[in-house]
Amino acid sequence: MVALDDEIKSNHSNMSDLNEDNSHTTVGQTEDLRDVQTTFNTAADVKNTDNSDNTNEAVEDLLEENKTISDGNDEEVDKIEDYTEELKHMDVQNDNEPMKNKLGEDYPEGVTEEVYAMNDENGLLSKYIVRRIVVINGTGYNYEKSEPVTEQ
């Protein structure tokens, strides 16, 4: 009976030692995994910051490029809109002859076609204006057609 008690105590002691060793190993592995996770998180944070910075720079570049394009187009659009308004308010009976001569001087003999795109207040295409100047023997004739853009 004493031998059996000694064997049970010995087995219990061996199991306690094994449990303690396994416990220390588990703690070490957990700490290693925590270190690896911290390294990955740090690398991910750095990459996230880099991507965010690159995206912000790209957006700023696009905004600057669009502003430059818009500034150049605004002047041309204003000029075309002014000219179109002048044409709308012309008295055909009184202004026809000088206009013919002016068009005849400004444009070459034959047909010249100009296409303008008109945008709405949101900057979206709203209509096309096709303008044809026909010059015959130095006399110019203006023909315009306006077509609204329909959504598909």
C-alpha atoms as a PDB file:
ATOM      1  CA  MET A   1       0.000   0.000   0.000  1.00  0.00           C
ATOM      2  CA  VAL A   2       2.881   2.310   0.823  1.00  0.00           C
ATOM      3  CA  ALA A   3       4.434   1.549  -2.541  1.00  0.00           C
ATOM      4  CA  LEU A   4       1.182   2.430  -4.267  1.00  0.00           C
ATOM      5  CA  ASP A   5       0.994   5.747  -2.396  1.00  0.00           C
ATOM      6  CA  ASP A   6       4.594   6.520  -3.343  1.00  0.00           C
ATOM      7  CA  GLU A   7       3.861   5.716  -7.005  1.00  0.00           C
ATOM      8  CA  ILE A   8       0.769   7.944  -6.982  1.00  0.00           C
ATOM      9  CA  LYS A   9       2.760  10.791  -5.393  1.00  0.00           C
ATOM     10  CA  SER A  10       5.545  10.270  -7.939  1.00  0.00           C
ATOM     11  CA  ASN A  11       3.084  10.310 -10.866  1.00  0.00           C
ATOM     12  CA  HIS A  12       1.354  13.351  -9.393  1.00  0.00           C
ATOM     13  CA  SER A  13       4.713  15.120  -9.046  1.00  0.00           C
ATOM     14  CA  ASN A  14       5.700  14.214 -12.634  1.00  0.00           C
ATOM     15  CA  MET A  15       2.341  15.491 -13.948  1.00  0.00           C
ATOM     16  CA  SER A  16       2.730  18.728 -12.012  1.00  0.00           C
ATOM     17  CA  ASP A  17       6.216  19.200 -13.483  1.00  0.00           C
ATOM     18  CA  LEU A  18       4.899  18.497 -17.012  1.00  0.00           C
ATOM     19  CA  ASN A  19       1.971  20.895 -16.512  1.00  0.00           C
ATOM     20  CA  GLU A  20       4.340  23.580 -15.252  1.00  0.00           C
ATOM     21  CA  ASP A  21       6.664  23.057 -18.247  1.00  0.00           C
ATOM     22  CA  ASN A  22       3.705  23.170 -20.665  1.00  0.00           C
ATOM     23  CA  SER A  23       2.405  26.292 -18.935  1.00  0.00           C
ATOM     24  CA  HIS A  24       5.771  28.057 -19.358  1.00  0.00           C
ATOM     25  CA  THR A  25       5.913  26.958 -23.008  1.00  0.00           C
ATOM     26  CA  THR A  26       2.384  28.261 -23.642  1.00  0.00           C
ATOM     27  CA  VAL A  27       3.227  31.600 -22.038  1.00  0.00           C
ATOM     28  CA  GLY A  28       6.367  31.865 -24.203  1.00  0.00           C
ATOM     29  CA  GLN A  29       4.453  31.030 -27.374  1.00  0.00           C
ATOM     30  CA  THR A  30       1.738  33.538 -26.476  1.00  0.00           C
ATOM     31  CA  GLU A  31       4.338  36.255 -25.948  1.00  0.00           C
ATOM     32  CA  ASP A  32       5.988  35.370 -29.287  1.00  0.00           C
ATOM     33  CA  LEU A  33       2.625  35.539 -31.072  1.00  0.00           C
ATOM     34  CA  ARG A  34       1.866  38.863 -29.385  1.00  0.00           C
ATOM     35  CA  ASP A  35       5.214  40.239 -30.633  1.00  0.00           C
ATOM     36  CA  VAL A  36       4.516  38.991 -34.172  1.00  0.00           C
ATOM     37  CA  GLN A  37       1.026  40.527 -34.072  1.00  0.00           C
ATOM     38  CA  THR A  38       2.440  43.848 -32.859  1.00  0.00           C
ATOM     39  CA  THR A  39       4.975  43.814 -35.710  1.00  0.00           C
ATOM     40  CA  PHE A  40       2.226  43.115 -38.261  1.00  0.00           C
ATOM     41  CA  ASN A  41      -0.010  45.824 -36.786  1.00  0.00           C
ATOM     42  CA  THR A  42       2.827  48.349 -36.887  1.00  0.00           C
ATOM     43  CA  ALA A  43       3.627  47.462 -40.510  1.00  0.00           C
ATOM     44  CA  ALA A  44      -0.071  47.702 -41.417  1.00  0.00           C
ATOM     45  CA  ASP A  45      -0.347  51.112 -39.742  1.00  0.00           C
ATOM     46  CA  VAL A  46       2.694  52.391 -41.662  1.00  0.00           C
ATOM     47  CA  LYS A  47       1.308  51.044 -44.957  1.00  0.00           C
ATOM     48  CA  ASN A  48      -2.118  52.536 -44.197  1.00  0.00           C
ATOM     49  CA  THR A  49      -0.559  55.933 -43.506  1.00  0.00           C
ATOM     50  CA  ASP A  50       1.506  55.743 -46.710  1.00  0.00           C
ATOM     51  CA  ASN A  51      -1.554  54.790 -48.765  1.00  0.00           C
ATOM     52  CA  SER A  52      -3.588  57.581 -47.207  1.00  0.00           C
ATOM     53  CA  ASP A  53      -0.852  60.126 -47.920  1.00  0.00           C
ATOM     54  CA  ASN A  54      -0.504  58.915 -51.520  1.00  0.00           C
ATOM     55  CA  THR A  55      -4.273  59.081 -52.025  1.00  0.00           C
ATOM     56  CA  ASN A  56      -4.455  62.608 -50.593  1.00  0.00           C
ATOM     57  CA  GLU A  57      -1.612  63.742 -52.854  1.00  0.00           C
ATOM     58  CA  ALA A  58      -3.294  62.196 -55.903  1.00  0.00           C
ATOM     59  CA  VAL A  59      -6.612  63.899 -55.071  1.00  0.00           C
ATOM     60  CA  GLU A  60      -4.879  67.252 -54.589  1.00  0.00           C
ATOM     61  CA  ASP A  61      -3.089  66.839 -57.936  1.00  0.00           C
ATOM     62  CA  LEU A  62      -6.381  66.012 -59.676  1.00  0.00           C
ATOM     63  CA  LEU A  63      -8.131  68.991 -58.103  1.00  0.00           C
ATOM     64  CA  GLU A  64      -5.321  71.311 -59.215  1.00  0.00           C
ATOM     65  CA  GLU A  65      -5.350  69.861 -62.736  1.00  0.00           C
ATOM     66  CA  ASN A  66      -9.144  70.208 -62.969  1.00  0.00           C
ATOM     67  CA  LYS A  67      -8.941  73.805 -61.747  1.00  0.00           C
ATOM     68  CA  THR A  68      -6.334  74.606 -64.397  1.00  0.00           C
ATOM     69  CA  ILE A  69      -8.465  73.016 -67.123  1.00  0.00           C
ATOM     70  CA  SER A  70     -11.611  74.698 -65.825  1.00  0.00           C
ATOM     71  CA  ASP A  71      -9.961  78.128 -65.681  1.00  0.00           C
ATOM     72  CA  GLY A  72      -8.898  77.831 -69.325  1.00  0.00           C
ATOM     73  CA  ASN A  73     -12.309  76.596 -70.442  1.00  0.00           C
ATOM     74  CA  ASP A  74     -14.300  79.199 -68.521  1.00  0.00           C
ATOM     75  CA  GLU A  75     -12.854  82.043 -70.573  1.00  0.00           C
ATOM     76  CA  GLU A  76     -13.569  80.281 -73.863  1.00  0.00           C
ATOM     77  CA  VAL A  77     -17.073  79.257 -72.777  1.00  0.00           C
ATOM     78  CA  ASP A  78     -17.879  82.813 -71.688  1.00  0.00           C
ATOM     79  CA  LYS A  79     -16.736  84.144 -75.054  1.00  0.00           C
ATOM     80  CA  ILE A  80     -18.849  81.603 -76.943  1.00  0.00           C
ATOM     81  CA  GLU A  81     -21.897  82.217 -74.749  1.00  0.00           C
ATOM     82  CA  ASP A  82     -21.588  85.986 -75.286  1.00  0.00           C
ATOM     83  CA  TYR A  83     -21.372  85.484 -79.029  1.00  0.00           C
ATOM     84  CA  THR A  84     -24.366  83.126 -78.973  1.00  0.00           C
ATOM     85  CA  GLU A  85     -26.394  85.666 -76.998  1.00  0.00           C
ATOM     86  CA  GLU A  86     -25.470  88.369 -79.519  1.00  0.00           C
ATOM     87  CA  LEU A  87     -26.714  86.152 -82.330  1.00  0.00           C
ATOM     88  CA  LYS A  88     -30.006  85.485 -80.532  1.00  0.00           C
ATOM     89  CA  HIS A  89     -30.727  89.209 -80.177  1.00  0.00           C
ATOM     90  CA  MET A  90     -29.879  90.184 -83.737  1.00  0.00           C
ATOM     91  CA  ASP A  91     -32.415  91.914 -85.926  1.00  0.00           C
ATOM     92  CA  VAL A  92     -32.133  89.856 -89.093  1.00  0.00           C
ATOM     93  CA  GLN A  93     -33.575  92.542 -91.331  1.00  0.00           C
ATOM     94  CA  ASN A  94     -31.146  95.261 -90.235  1.00  0.00           C
ATOM     95  CA  ASP A  95     -28.035  93.265 -89.395  1.00  0.00           C
ATOM     96  CA  ASN A  96     -28.046  90.683 -92.153  1.00  0.00           C
ATOM     97  CA  GLU A  97     -25.903  92.523 -94.701  1.00  0.00           C
ATOM     98  CA  PRO A  98     -23.074  93.616 -92.379  1.00  0.00           C
ATOM     99  CA  MET A  99     -23.057  90.169 -90.808  1.00  0.00           C
ATOM    100  CA  LYS A 100     -22.751  88.499 -94.160  1.00  0.00           C
ATOM    101  CA  ASN A 101     -19.788  90.656 -95.000  1.00  0.00           C
ATOM    102  CA  LYS A 102     -18.149  90.166 -91.610  1.00  0.00           C
ATOM    103  CA  LEU A 103     -18.619  86.391 -91.821  1.00  0.00           C
ATOM    104  CA  GLY A 104     -17.320  86.467 -95.377  1.00  0.00           C
ATOM    105  CA  GLU A 105     -14.178  88.234 -94.147  1.00  0.00           C
ATOM    106  CA  ASP A 106     -13.666  86.054 -91.055  1.00  0.00           C
ATOM    107  CA  TYR A 107     -14.231  82.633 -92.659  1.00  0.00           C
ATOM    108  CA  PRO A 108     -12.847  80.990 -95.816  1.00  0.00           C
ATOM    109  CA  GLU A 109     -14.952  80.221 -98.890  1.00  0.00           C
ATOM    110  CA  GLY A 110     -17.032  77.085 -98.443  1.00  0.00           C
ATOM    111  CA  VAL A 111     -18.501  75.530 -95.327  1.00  0.00           C
ATOM    112  CA  THR A 112     -16.990  75.801 -91.842  1.00  0.00           C
ATOM    113  CA  GLU A 113     -18.599  73.762 -89.071  1.00  0.00           C
ATOM    114  CA  GLU A 114     -18.148  74.462 -85.368  1.00  0.00           C
ATOM    115  CA  VAL A 115     -19.599  72.273 -82.616  1.00  0.00           C
ATOM    116  CA  TYR A 116     -20.063  73.612 -79.096  1.00  0.00           C
ATOM    117  CA  ALA A 117     -21.058  71.692 -76.001  1.00  0.00           C
ATOM    118  CA  MET A 118     -23.189  73.553 -73.481  1.00  0.00           C
ATOM    119  CA  ASN A 119     -23.192  72.458 -69.835  1.00  0.00           C
ATOM    120  CA  ASP A 120     -25.867  72.950 -67.209  1.00  0.00           C
ATOM    121  CA  GLU A 121     -25.299  74.509 -63.771  1.00  0.00           C
ATOM    122  CA  ASN A 122     -23.894  71.179 -62.517  1.00  0.00           C
ATOM    123  CA  GLY A 123     -21.296  71.050 -65.264  1.00  0.00           C
ATOM    124  CA  LEU A 124     -23.089  68.212 -67.064  1.00  0.00           C
ATOM    125  CA  LEU A 125     -23.552  68.226 -70.818  1.00  0.00           C
ATOM    126  CA  SER A 126     -27.004  69.620 -71.604  1.00  0.00           C
ATOM    127  CA  LYS A 127     -26.947  70.297 -75.366  1.00  0.00           C
ATOM    128  CA  TYR A 128     -24.828  70.568 -78.492  1.00  0.00           C
ATOM    129  CA  ILE A 129     -24.841  73.557 -80.783  1.00  0.00           C
ATOM    130  CA  VAL A 130     -23.751  72.937 -84.360  1.00  0.00           C
ATOM    131  CA  ARG A 131     -22.889  76.108 -86.244  1.00  0.00           C
ATOM    132  CA  ARG A 132     -22.195  76.149 -89.975  1.00  0.00           C
ATOM    133  CA  ILE A 133     -20.831  79.196 -91.717  1.00  0.00           C
ATOM    134  CA  VAL A 134     -21.298  79.093 -95.461  1.00  0.00           C
ATOM    135  CA  VAL A 135     -19.281  81.644 -97.439  1.00  0.00           C
ATOM    136  CA  ILE A 136     -20.163  82.165-101.099  1.00  0.00           C
ATOM    137  CA  ASN A 137     -18.401  84.895-103.092  1.00  0.00           C
ATOM    138  CA  GLY A 138     -17.269  86.635 -99.886  1.00  0.00           C
ATOM    139  CA  THR A 139     -20.746  86.672 -98.349  1.00  0.00           C
ATOM    140  CA  GLY A 140     -21.229  84.591 -95.196  1.00  0.00           C
ATOM    141  CA  TYR A 141     -24.366  82.849 -93.990  1.00  0.00           C
ATOM    142  CA  ASN A 142     -24.755  81.537 -90.460  1.00  0.00           C
ATOM    143  CA  TYR A 143     -26.751  78.364 -89.738  1.00  0.00           C
ATOM    144  CA  GLU A 144     -27.144  76.987 -86.232  1.00  0.00           C
ATOM    145  CA  LYS A 145     -28.803  73.904 -84.856  1.00  0.00           C
ATOM    146  CA  SER A 146     -29.209  73.138 -81.162  1.00  0.00           C
ATOM    147  CA  GLU A 147     -29.804  69.579 -79.946  1.00  0.00           C
ATOM    148  CA  PRO A 148     -30.488  68.696 -76.330  1.00  0.00           C
ATOM    149  CA  VAL A 149     -28.695  65.685 -74.911  1.00  0.00           C
ATOM    150  CA  THR A 150     -31.108  62.966 -73.855  1.00  0.00           C
ATOM    151  CA  GLU A 151     -30.295  60.488 -71.122  1.00  0.00           C
ATOM    152  CA  GLN A 152     -30.028  56.875 -72.196  1.00  0.00           C
END
